[in-house]
């Protein structure tokens, strides 16, 4: 039972940032869409909703960054990454004369 609970928590740790990234992407898309859709309406002057766009950008970057970082460190632990991304081993100290 404990293994099932720990795997469920691990899935939630990936699903929540994924949903955050999706919601942020939708906020950015909506702000751009509403800005360009207002050009056809002569009754209003189009203005860009910067707050909604920046909030969506932050949410998208946080969610995608968390998932990307989690994947990178998991692959590094399992030795799936390129040699330049592997952890550096400390050099032994030089003997002193």
PDB file of N, CA and C in Angstrom:
ATOM      1  N   UNK A   1       0.821  -1.197   0.000  1.00  0.00           N
ATOM      2  CA  UNK A   1       0.000   0.000   0.000  1.00  0.00           C
ATOM      3  C   UNK A   1       0.861   1.256   0.000  1.00  0.00           C
ATOM      4  N   UNK A   2       1.998   1.190   0.698  1.00  0.00           N
ATOM      5  CA  UNK A   2       2.857   2.365   0.773  1.00  0.00           C
ATOM      6  C   UNK A   2       3.471   2.691  -0.587  1.00  0.00           C
ATOM      7  N   UNK A   3       3.794   1.650  -1.385  1.00  0.00           N
ATOM      8  CA  UNK A   3       4.352   1.858  -2.711  1.00  0.00           C
ATOM      9  C   UNK A   3       3.341   2.553  -3.626  1.00  0.00           C
ATOM     10  N   UNK A   4       2.085   2.178  -3.513  1.00  0.00           N
ATOM     11  CA  UNK A   4       1.046   2.801  -4.336  1.00  0.00           C
ATOM     12  C   UNK A   4       0.891   4.274  -3.971  1.00  0.00           C
ATOM     13  N   UNK A   5       0.919   4.580  -2.688  1.00  0.00           N
ATOM     14  CA  UNK A   5       0.778   5.973  -2.257  1.00  0.00           C
ATOM     15  C   UNK A   5       1.966   6.811  -2.710  1.00  0.00           C
ATOM     16  N   UNK A   6       3.171   6.267  -2.626  1.00  0.00           N
ATOM     17  CA  UNK A   6       4.349   7.037  -3.044  1.00  0.00           C
ATOM     18  C   UNK A   6       4.355   7.251  -4.558  1.00  0.00           C
ATOM     19  N   UNK A   7       3.904   6.280  -5.314  1.00  0.00           N
ATOM     20  CA  UNK A   7       3.825   6.469  -6.770  1.00  0.00           C
ATOM     21  C   UNK A   7       2.734   7.475  -7.140  1.00  0.00           C
ATOM     22  N   UNK A   8       1.643   7.478  -6.407  1.00  0.00           N
ATOM     23  CA  UNK A   8       0.578   8.456  -6.651  1.00  0.00           C
ATOM     24  C   UNK A   8       1.067   9.867  -6.370  1.00  0.00           C
ATOM     25  N   UNK A   9       1.821  10.035  -5.306  1.00  0.00           N
ATOM     26  CA  UNK A   9       2.383  11.350  -4.982  1.00  0.00           C
ATOM     27  C   UNK A   9       3.381  11.772  -6.053  1.00  0.00           C
ATOM     28  N   UNK A  10       4.177  10.827  -6.554  1.00  0.00           N
ATOM     29  CA  UNK A  10       5.136  11.145  -7.617  1.00  0.00           C
ATOM     30  C   UNK A  10       4.416  11.563  -8.896  1.00  0.00           C
ATOM     31  N   UNK A  11       3.310  10.915  -9.211  1.00  0.00           N
ATOM     32  CA  UNK A  11       2.532  11.305 -10.394  1.00  0.00           C
ATOM     33  C   UNK A  11       1.960  12.706 -10.214  1.00  0.00           C
ATOM     34  N   UNK A  12       1.467  13.003  -9.015  1.00  0.00           N
ATOM     35  CA  UNK A  12       0.930  14.343  -8.762  1.00  0.00           C
ATOM     36  C   UNK A  12       2.011  15.407  -8.871  1.00  0.00           C
ATOM     37  N   UNK A  13       3.234  15.069  -8.476  1.00  0.00           N
ATOM     38  CA  UNK A  13       4.332  16.032  -8.581  1.00  0.00           C
ATOM     39  C   UNK A  13       4.652  16.378 -10.031  1.00  0.00           C
ATOM     40  N   UNK A  14       4.288  15.527 -10.958  1.00  0.00           N
ATOM     41  CA  UNK A  14       4.490  15.839 -12.371  1.00  0.00           C
ATOM     42  C   UNK A  14       3.239  16.398 -13.032  1.00  0.00           C
ATOM     43  N   UNK A  15       2.068  15.982 -12.573  1.00  0.00           N
ATOM     44  CA  UNK A  15       0.824  16.434 -13.199  1.00  0.00           C
ATOM     45  C   UNK A  15       0.536  17.895 -12.862  1.00  0.00           C
ATOM     46  N   UNK A  16       0.758  18.283 -11.627  1.00  0.00           N
ATOM     47  CA  UNK A  16       0.443  19.660 -11.217  1.00  0.00           C
ATOM     48  C   UNK A  16       1.283  20.687 -11.986  1.00  0.00           C
ATOM     49  N   UNK A  17       2.616  20.534 -12.108  1.00  0.00           N
ATOM     50  CA  UNK A  17       3.354  21.494 -12.941  1.00  0.00           C
ATOM     51  C   UNK A  17       2.979  21.408 -14.422  1.00  0.00           C
ATOM     52  N   UNK A  18       2.601  20.220 -14.885  1.00  0.00           N
ATOM     53  CA  UNK A  18       2.149  20.093 -16.272  1.00  0.00           C
ATOM     54  C   UNK A  18       0.870  20.876 -16.518  1.00  0.00           C
ATOM     55  N   UNK A  19      -0.061  20.779 -15.590  1.00  0.00           N
ATOM     56  CA  UNK A  19      -1.298  21.561 -15.710  1.00  0.00           C
ATOM     57  C   UNK A  19      -1.023  23.061 -15.597  1.00  0.00           C
ATOM     58  N   UNK A  20      -0.077  23.423 -14.741  1.00  0.00           N
ATOM     59  CA  UNK A  20       0.308  24.825 -14.604  1.00  0.00           C
ATOM     60  C   UNK A  20       0.885  25.359 -15.915  1.00  0.00           C
ATOM     61  N   UNK A  21       1.731  24.557 -16.559  1.00  0.00           N
ATOM     62  CA  UNK A  21       2.316  24.975 -17.839  1.00  0.00           C
ATOM     63  C   UNK A  21       1.243  25.080 -18.918  1.00  0.00           C
ATOM     64  N   UNK A  22       0.312  24.141 -18.950  1.00  0.00           N
ATOM     65  CA  UNK A  22      -0.776  24.201 -19.941  1.00  0.00           C
ATOM     66  C   UNK A  22      -1.653  25.427 -19.722  1.00  0.00           C
ATOM     67  N   UNK A  23      -1.990  25.699 -18.464  1.00  0.00           N
ATOM     68  CA  UNK A  23      -2.830  26.853 -18.166  1.00  0.00           C
ATOM     69  C   UNK A  23      -2.107  28.159 -18.512  1.00  0.00           C
ATOM     70  N   UNK A  24      -0.801  28.218 -18.252  1.00  0.00           N
ATOM     71  CA  UNK A  24      -0.031  29.403 -18.615  1.00  0.00           C
ATOM     72  C   UNK A  24       0.018  29.605 -20.118  1.00  0.00           C
ATOM     73  N   UNK A  25       0.181  28.508 -20.871  1.00  0.00           N
ATOM     74  CA  UNK A  25       0.184  28.608 -22.327  1.00  0.00           C
ATOM     75  C   UNK A  25      -1.157  29.118 -22.836  1.00  0.00           C
ATOM     76  N   UNK A  26      -2.241  28.634 -22.250  1.00  0.00           N
ATOM     77  CA  UNK A  26      -3.568  29.097 -22.667  1.00  0.00           C
ATOM     78  C   UNK A  26      -3.772  30.576 -22.352  1.00  0.00           C
ATOM     79  N   UNK A  27      -3.265  31.051 -21.222  1.00  0.00           N
ATOM     80  CA  UNK A  27      -3.370  32.482 -20.891  1.00  0.00           C
ATOM     81  C   UNK A  27      -2.610  33.339 -21.908  1.00  0.00           C
ATOM     82  N   UNK A  28      -1.406  32.899 -22.286  1.00  0.00           N
ATOM     83  CA  UNK A  28      -0.642  33.657 -23.288  1.00  0.00           C
ATOM     84  C   UNK A  28      -1.363  33.652 -24.633  1.00  0.00           C
ATOM     85  N   UNK A  29      -1.875  32.496 -25.026  1.00  0.00           N
ATOM     86  CA  UNK A  29      -2.590  32.364 -26.301  1.00  0.00           C
ATOM     87  C   UNK A  29      -3.840  33.240 -26.316  1.00  0.00           C
ATOM     88  N   UNK A  30      -4.576  33.246 -25.223  1.00  0.00           N
ATOM     89  CA  UNK A  30      -5.799  34.056 -25.160  1.00  0.00           C
ATOM     90  C   UNK A  30      -5.502  35.544 -25.233  1.00  0.00           C
ATOM     91  N   UNK A  31      -4.457  35.989 -24.550  1.00  0.00           N
ATOM     92  CA  UNK A  31      -4.154  37.421 -24.588  1.00  0.00           C
ATOM     93  C   UNK A  31      -3.735  37.854 -25.992  1.00  0.00           C
ATOM     94  N   UNK A  32      -2.991  37.025 -26.702  1.00  0.00           N
ATOM     95  CA  UNK A  32      -2.606  37.361 -28.082  1.00  0.00           C
ATOM     96  C   UNK A  32      -3.821  37.305 -29.002  1.00  0.00           C
ATOM     97  N   UNK A  33      -4.661  36.288 -28.833  1.00  0.00           N
ATOM     98  CA  UNK A  33      -5.848  36.159 -29.677  1.00  0.00           C
ATOM     99  C   UNK A  33      -6.795  37.341 -29.500  1.00  0.00           C
ATOM    100  N   UNK A  34      -7.074  37.723 -28.252  1.00  0.00           N
ATOM    101  CA  UNK A  34      -7.998  38.840 -28.011  1.00  0.00           C
ATOM    102  C   UNK A  34      -7.433  40.154 -28.535  1.00  0.00           C
ATOM    103  N   UNK A  35      -6.112  40.303 -28.493  1.00  0.00           N
ATOM    104  CA  UNK A  35      -5.511  41.523 -29.029  1.00  0.00           C
ATOM    105  C   UNK A  35      -5.734  41.606 -30.538  1.00  0.00           C
ATOM    106  N   UNK A  36      -5.481  40.518 -31.253  1.00  0.00           N
ATOM    107  CA  UNK A  36      -5.651  40.554 -32.706  1.00  0.00           C
ATOM    108  C   UNK A  36      -7.109  40.510 -33.124  1.00  0.00           C
ATOM    109  N   UNK A  37      -7.975  39.929 -32.326  1.00  0.00           N
ATOM    110  CA  UNK A  37      -9.390  39.891 -32.694  1.00  0.00           C
ATOM    111  C   UNK A  37     -10.050  41.259 -32.526  1.00  0.00           C
ATOM    112  N   UNK A  38      -9.505  42.124 -31.689  1.00  0.00           N
ATOM    113  CA  UNK A  38     -10.064  43.465 -31.520  1.00  0.00           C
ATOM    114  C   UNK A  38      -9.792  44.375 -32.710  1.00  0.00           C
ATOM    115  N   UNK A  39      -8.898  43.998 -33.611  1.00  0.00           N
ATOM    116  CA  UNK A  39      -8.638  44.833 -34.779  1.00  0.00           C
ATOM    117  C   UNK A  39      -9.833  44.883 -35.724  1.00  0.00           C
ATOM    118  N   UNK A  40     -10.689  43.861 -35.721  1.00  0.00           N
ATOM    119  CA  UNK A  40     -11.863  43.867 -36.592  1.00  0.00           C
ATOM    120  C   UNK A  40     -13.021  44.661 -36.039  1.00  0.00           C
ATOM    121  N   UNK A  41     -12.982  45.020 -34.770  1.00  0.00           N
ATOM    122  CA  UNK A  41     -14.074  45.750 -34.134  1.00  0.00           C
ATOM    123  C   UNK A  41     -13.718  47.240 -34.100  1.00  0.00           C
ATOM    124  N   UNK A  42     -14.519  48.049 -34.791  1.00  0.00           N
ATOM    125  CA  UNK A  42     -14.241  49.485 -34.851  1.00  0.00           C
ATOM    126  C   UNK A  42     -14.679  50.222 -33.591  1.00  0.00           C
ATOM    127  N   UNK A  43     -15.466  49.586 -32.734  1.00  0.00           N
ATOM    128  CA  UNK A  43     -15.986  50.250 -31.546  1.00  0.00           C
ATOM    129  C   UNK A  43     -14.938  50.340 -30.430  1.00  0.00           C
ATOM    130  N   UNK A  44     -13.936  49.492 -30.466  1.00  0.00           N
ATOM    131  CA  UNK A  44     -12.921  49.497 -29.405  1.00  0.00           C
ATOM    132  C   UNK A  44     -11.542  49.689 -30.008  1.00  0.00           C
ATOM    133  N   UNK A  45     -10.651  50.216 -29.196  1.00  0.00           N
ATOM    134  CA  UNK A  45      -9.255  50.297 -29.617  1.00  0.00           C
ATOM    135  C   UNK A  45      -8.520  49.096 -29.022  1.00  0.00           C
ATOM    136  N   UNK A  46      -7.782  48.373 -29.832  1.00  0.00           N
ATOM    137  CA  UNK A  46      -7.113  47.178 -29.317  1.00  0.00           C
ATOM    138  C   UNK A  46      -5.986  47.536 -28.352  1.00  0.00           C
ATOM    139  N   UNK A  47      -5.995  46.897 -27.214  1.00  0.00           N
ATOM    140  CA  UNK A  47      -4.891  47.060 -26.278  1.00  0.00           C
ATOM    141  C   UNK A  47      -4.482  45.668 -25.795  1.00  0.00           C
ATOM    142  N   UNK A  48      -3.214  45.502 -25.583  1.00  0.00           N
ATOM    143  CA  UNK A  48      -2.664  44.198 -25.224  1.00  0.00           C
ATOM    144  C   UNK A  48      -2.705  44.034 -23.712  1.00  0.00           C
ATOM    145  N   UNK A  49      -3.171  42.900 -23.240  1.00  0.00           N
ATOM    146  CA  UNK A  49      -3.275  42.616 -21.810  1.00  0.00           C
ATOM    147  C   UNK A  49      -1.941  42.036 -21.331  1.00  0.00           C
ATOM    148  N   UNK A  50      -1.039  42.926 -20.947  1.00  0.00           N
ATOM    149  CA  UNK A  50       0.315  42.509 -20.562  1.00  0.00           C
ATOM    150  C   UNK A  50       0.334  41.691 -19.281  1.00  0.00           C
ATOM    151  N   UNK A  51      -0.514  42.032 -18.329  1.00  0.00           N
ATOM    152  CA  UNK A  51      -0.514  41.308 -17.064  1.00  0.00           C
ATOM    153  C   UNK A  51      -0.892  39.839 -17.260  1.00  0.00           C
ATOM    154  N   UNK A  52      -1.913  39.602 -18.048  1.00  0.00           N
ATOM    155  CA  UNK A  52      -2.341  38.235 -18.331  1.00  0.00           C
ATOM    156  C   UNK A  52      -1.264  37.466 -19.093  1.00  0.00           C
ATOM    157  N   UNK A  53      -0.600  38.136 -20.042  1.00  0.00           N
ATOM    158  CA  UNK A  53       0.444  37.485 -20.827  1.00  0.00           C
ATOM    159  C   UNK A  53       1.660  37.153 -19.967  1.00  0.00           C
ATOM    160  N   UNK A  54       2.105  38.082 -19.142  1.00  0.00           N
ATOM    161  CA  UNK A  54       3.285  37.847 -18.305  1.00  0.00           C
ATOM    162  C   UNK A  54       2.992  36.786 -17.246  1.00  0.00           C
ATOM    163  N   UNK A  55       1.783  36.815 -16.684  1.00  0.00           N
ATOM    164  CA  UNK A  55       1.403  35.778 -15.724  1.00  0.00           C
ATOM    165  C   UNK A  55       1.400  34.400 -16.391  1.00  0.00           C
ATOM    166  N   UNK A  56       0.884  34.318 -17.596  1.00  0.00           N
ATOM    167  CA  UNK A  56       0.910  33.061 -18.342  1.00  0.00           C
ATOM    168  C   UNK A  56       2.316  32.630 -18.670  1.00  0.00           C
ATOM    169  N   UNK A  57       3.191  33.573 -19.010  1.00  0.00           N
ATOM    170  CA  UNK A  57       4.580  33.243 -19.318  1.00  0.00           C
ATOM    171  C   UNK A  57       5.302  32.701 -18.089  1.00  0.00           C
ATOM    172  N   UNK A  58       5.059  33.311 -16.935  1.00  0.00           N
ATOM    173  CA  UNK A  58       5.677  32.836 -15.689  1.00  0.00           C
ATOM    174  C   UNK A  58       5.170  31.440 -15.344  1.00  0.00           C
ATOM    175  N   UNK A  59       3.867  31.229 -15.486  1.00  0.00           N
ATOM    176  CA  UNK A  59       3.310  29.920 -15.178  1.00  0.00           C
ATOM    177  C   UNK A  59       3.839  28.855 -16.129  1.00  0.00           C
ATOM    178  N   UNK A  60       3.937  29.192 -17.411  1.00  0.00           N
ATOM    179  CA  UNK A  60       4.453  28.236 -18.387  1.00  0.00           C
ATOM    180  C   UNK A  60       5.921  27.924 -18.122  1.00  0.00           C
ATOM    181  N   UNK A  61       6.712  28.948 -17.848  1.00  0.00           N
ATOM    182  CA  UNK A  61       8.142  28.732 -17.594  1.00  0.00           C
ATOM    183  C   UNK A  61       8.364  27.924 -16.318  1.00  0.00           C
ATOM    184  N   UNK A  62       7.571  28.183 -15.288  1.00  0.00           N
ATOM    185  CA  UNK A  62       7.723  27.438 -14.031  1.00  0.00           C
ATOM    186  C   UNK A  62       7.353  25.970 -14.221  1.00  0.00           C
ATOM    187  N   UNK A  63       6.250  25.708 -14.883  1.00  0.00           N
ATOM    188  CA  UNK A  63       5.824  24.326 -15.093  1.00  0.00           C
ATOM    189  C   UNK A  63       6.755  23.560 -16.001  1.00  0.00           C
ATOM    190  N   UNK A  64       7.115  24.154 -17.126  1.00  0.00           N
ATOM    191  CA  UNK A  64       8.016  23.480 -18.062  1.00  0.00           C
ATOM    192  C   UNK A  64       9.412  23.333 -17.471  1.00  0.00           C
ATOM    193  N   UNK A  65       9.864  24.332 -16.720  1.00  0.00           N
ATOM    194  CA  UNK A  65      11.179  24.244 -16.087  1.00  0.00           C
ATOM    195  C   UNK A  65      11.246  23.164 -15.033  1.00  0.00           C
ATOM    196  N   UNK A  66      10.173  23.017 -14.262  1.00  0.00           N
ATOM    197  CA  UNK A  66      10.141  21.960 -13.244  1.00  0.00           C
ATOM    198  C   UNK A  66      10.184  20.583 -13.885  1.00  0.00           C
ATOM    199  N   UNK A  67       9.370  20.370 -14.912  1.00  0.00           N
ATOM    200  CA  UNK A  67       9.340  19.063 -15.570  1.00  0.00           C
ATOM    201  C   UNK A  67      10.664  18.794 -16.283  1.00  0.00           C
ATOM    202  N   UNK A  68      11.222  19.810 -16.939  1.00  0.00           N
ATOM    203  CA  UNK A  68      12.512  19.631 -17.604  1.00  0.00           C
ATOM    204  C   UNK A  68      13.634  19.354 -16.624  1.00  0.00           C
ATOM    205  N   UNK A  69      13.647  20.055 -15.509  1.00  0.00           N
ATOM    206  CA  UNK A  69      14.674  19.820 -14.495  1.00  0.00           C
ATOM    207  C   UNK A  69      14.532  18.460 -13.852  1.00  0.00           C
ATOM    208  N   UNK A  70      13.313  18.047 -13.594  1.00  0.00           N
ATOM    209  CA  UNK A  70      13.090  16.730 -13.005  1.00  0.00           C
ATOM    210  C   UNK A  70      13.573  15.634 -13.944  1.00  0.00           C
ATOM    211  N   UNK A  71      13.264  15.777 -15.240  1.00  0.00           N
ATOM    212  CA  UNK A  71      13.703  14.792 -16.230  1.00  0.00           C
ATOM    213  C   UNK A  71      15.219  14.782 -16.358  1.00  0.00           C
ATOM    214  N   UNK A  72      15.834  15.953 -16.363  1.00  0.00           N
ATOM    215  CA  UNK A  72      17.286  16.041 -16.497  1.00  0.00           C
ATOM    216  C   UNK A  72      18.003  15.375 -15.322  1.00  0.00           C
ATOM    217  N   UNK A  73      17.580  15.679 -14.104  1.00  0.00           N
ATOM    218  CA  UNK A  73      18.261  15.102 -12.951  1.00  0.00           C
ATOM    219  C   UNK A  73      17.989  13.607 -12.814  1.00  0.00           C
ATOM    220  N   UNK A  74      16.820  13.149 -13.239  1.00  0.00           N
ATOM    221  CA  UNK A  74      16.544  11.711 -13.242  1.00  0.00           C
ATOM    222  C   UNK A  74      17.434  11.008 -14.258  1.00  0.00           C
ATOM    223  N   UNK A  75      17.575  11.598 -15.449  1.00  0.00           N
ATOM    224  CA  UNK A  75      18.439  10.997 -16.465  1.00  0.00           C
ATOM    225  C   UNK A  75      19.903  11.056 -16.052  1.00  0.00           C
ATOM    226  N   UNK A  76      20.303  12.115 -15.359  1.00  0.00           N
ATOM    227  CA  UNK A  76      21.679  12.210 -14.883  1.00  0.00           C
ATOM    228  C   UNK A  76      21.972  11.126 -13.855  1.00  0.00           C
ATOM    229  N   UNK A  77      21.003  10.854 -12.996  1.00  0.00           N
ATOM    230  CA  UNK A  77      21.163   9.821 -11.978  1.00  0.00           C
ATOM    231  C   UNK A  77      21.281   8.437 -12.619  1.00  0.00           C
ATOM    232  N   UNK A  78      20.555   8.210 -13.708  1.00  0.00           N
ATOM    233  CA  UNK A  78      20.590   6.914 -14.384  1.00  0.00           C
ATOM    234  C   UNK A  78      21.649   6.849 -15.479  1.00  0.00           C
ATOM    235  N   UNK A  79      22.442   7.885 -15.619  1.00  0.00           N
ATOM    236  CA  UNK A  79      23.561   7.942 -16.560  1.00  0.00           C
ATOM    237  C   UNK A  79      23.097   7.884 -18.022  1.00  0.00           C
ATOM    238  N   UNK A  80      22.007   8.619 -18.336  1.00  0.00           N
ATOM    239  CA  UNK A  80      21.483   8.680 -19.693  1.00  0.00           C
ATOM    240  C   UNK A  80      21.899   9.945 -20.438  1.00  0.00           C
ATOM    241  N   UNK A  81      22.647  10.823 -19.822  1.00  0.00           N
ATOM    242  CA  UNK A  81      22.945  12.121 -20.425  1.00  0.00           C
ATOM    243  C   UNK A  81      24.291  12.083 -21.146  1.00  0.00           C
ATOM    244  N   UNK A  82      24.524  13.098 -21.949  1.00  0.00           N
ATOM    245  CA  UNK A  82      25.789  13.219 -22.674  1.00  0.00           C
ATOM    246  C   UNK A  82      26.928  13.468 -21.688  1.00  0.00           C
ATOM    247  N   UNK A  83      28.159  13.179 -22.089  1.00  0.00           N
ATOM    248  CA  UNK A  83      29.288  13.342 -21.161  1.00  0.00           C
ATOM    249  C   UNK A  83      29.447  14.754 -20.620  1.00  0.00           C
ATOM    250  N   UNK A  84      29.071  15.763 -21.380  1.00  0.00           N
ATOM    251  CA  UNK A  84      29.255  17.131 -20.879  1.00  0.00           C
ATOM    252  C   UNK A  84      28.287  17.474 -19.755  1.00  0.00           C
ATOM    253  N   UNK A  85      27.201  16.718 -19.592  1.00  0.00           N
ATOM    254  CA  UNK A  85      26.237  16.973 -18.526  1.00  0.00           C
ATOM    255  C   UNK A  85      26.440  16.088 -17.303  1.00  0.00           C
ATOM    256  N   UNK A  86      27.393  15.173 -17.369  1.00  0.00           N
ATOM    257  CA  UNK A  86      27.620  14.293 -16.229  1.00  0.00           C
ATOM    258  C   UNK A  86      28.266  15.070 -15.097  1.00  0.00           C
ATOM    259  N   UNK A  87      28.040  14.598 -13.880  1.00  0.00           N
ATOM    260  CA  UNK A  87      28.601  15.285 -12.725  1.00  0.00           C
ATOM    261  C   UNK A  87      30.114  15.129 -12.718  1.00  0.00           C
ATOM    262  N   UNK A  88      30.790  16.207 -12.386  1.00  0.00           N
ATOM    263  CA  UNK A  88      32.251  16.206 -12.337  1.00  0.00           C
ATOM    264  C   UNK A  88      32.709  15.554 -11.038  1.00  0.00           C
ATOM    265  N   UNK A  89      33.683  14.668 -11.175  1.00  0.00           N
ATOM    266  CA  UNK A  89      34.263  14.058  -9.984  1.00  0.00           C
ATOM    267  C   UNK A  89      35.410  14.936  -9.505  1.00  0.00           C
ATOM    268  N   UNK A  90      35.530  15.122  -8.219  1.00  0.00           N
ATOM    269  CA  UNK A  90      36.632  15.960  -7.727  1.00  0.00           C
ATOM    270  C   UNK A  90      37.972  15.270  -7.963  1.00  0.00           C
ATOM    271  N   UNK A  91      38.971  16.056  -8.327  1.00  0.00           N
ATOM    272  CA  UNK A  91      40.313  15.519  -8.554  1.00  0.00           C
ATOM    273  C   UNK A  91      40.991  15.256  -7.219  1.00  0.00           C
ATOM    274  N   UNK A  92      41.768  14.201  -7.165  1.00  0.00           N
ATOM    275  CA  UNK A  92      42.521  13.984  -5.917  1.00  0.00           C
ATOM    276  C   UNK A  92      43.572  15.074  -5.738  1.00  0.00           C
ATOM    277  N   UNK A  93      43.866  15.432  -4.510  1.00  0.00           N
ATOM    278  CA  UNK A  93      44.855  16.498  -4.307  1.00  0.00           C
ATOM    279  C   UNK A  93      46.246  16.024  -4.719  1.00  0.00           C
ATOM    280  N   UNK A  94      47.028  17.003  -5.206  1.00  0.00           N
ATOM    281  CA  UNK A  94      48.397  16.698  -5.634  1.00  0.00           C
ATOM    282  C   UNK A  94      49.278  16.461  -4.401  1.00  0.00           C
ATOM    283  N   UNK A  95      50.166  15.497  -4.495  1.00  0.00           N
ATOM    284  CA  UNK A  95      51.070  15.298  -3.334  1.00  0.00           C
ATOM    285  C   UNK A  95      52.068  16.439  -3.215  1.00  0.00           C
ATOM    286  N   UNK A  96      52.311  16.840  -1.999  1.00  0.00           N
ATOM    287  CA  UNK A  96      53.245  17.941  -1.775  1.00  0.00           C
ATOM    288  C   UNK A  96      54.605  17.371  -1.420  1.00  0.00           C
ATOM    289  N   UNK A  97      55.656  18.015  -1.908  1.00  0.00           N
ATOM    290  CA  UNK A  97      57.029  17.548  -1.650  1.00  0.00           C
ATOM    291  C   UNK A  97      57.566  18.108  -0.384  1.00  0.00           C
TER     292      UNK A  97
END
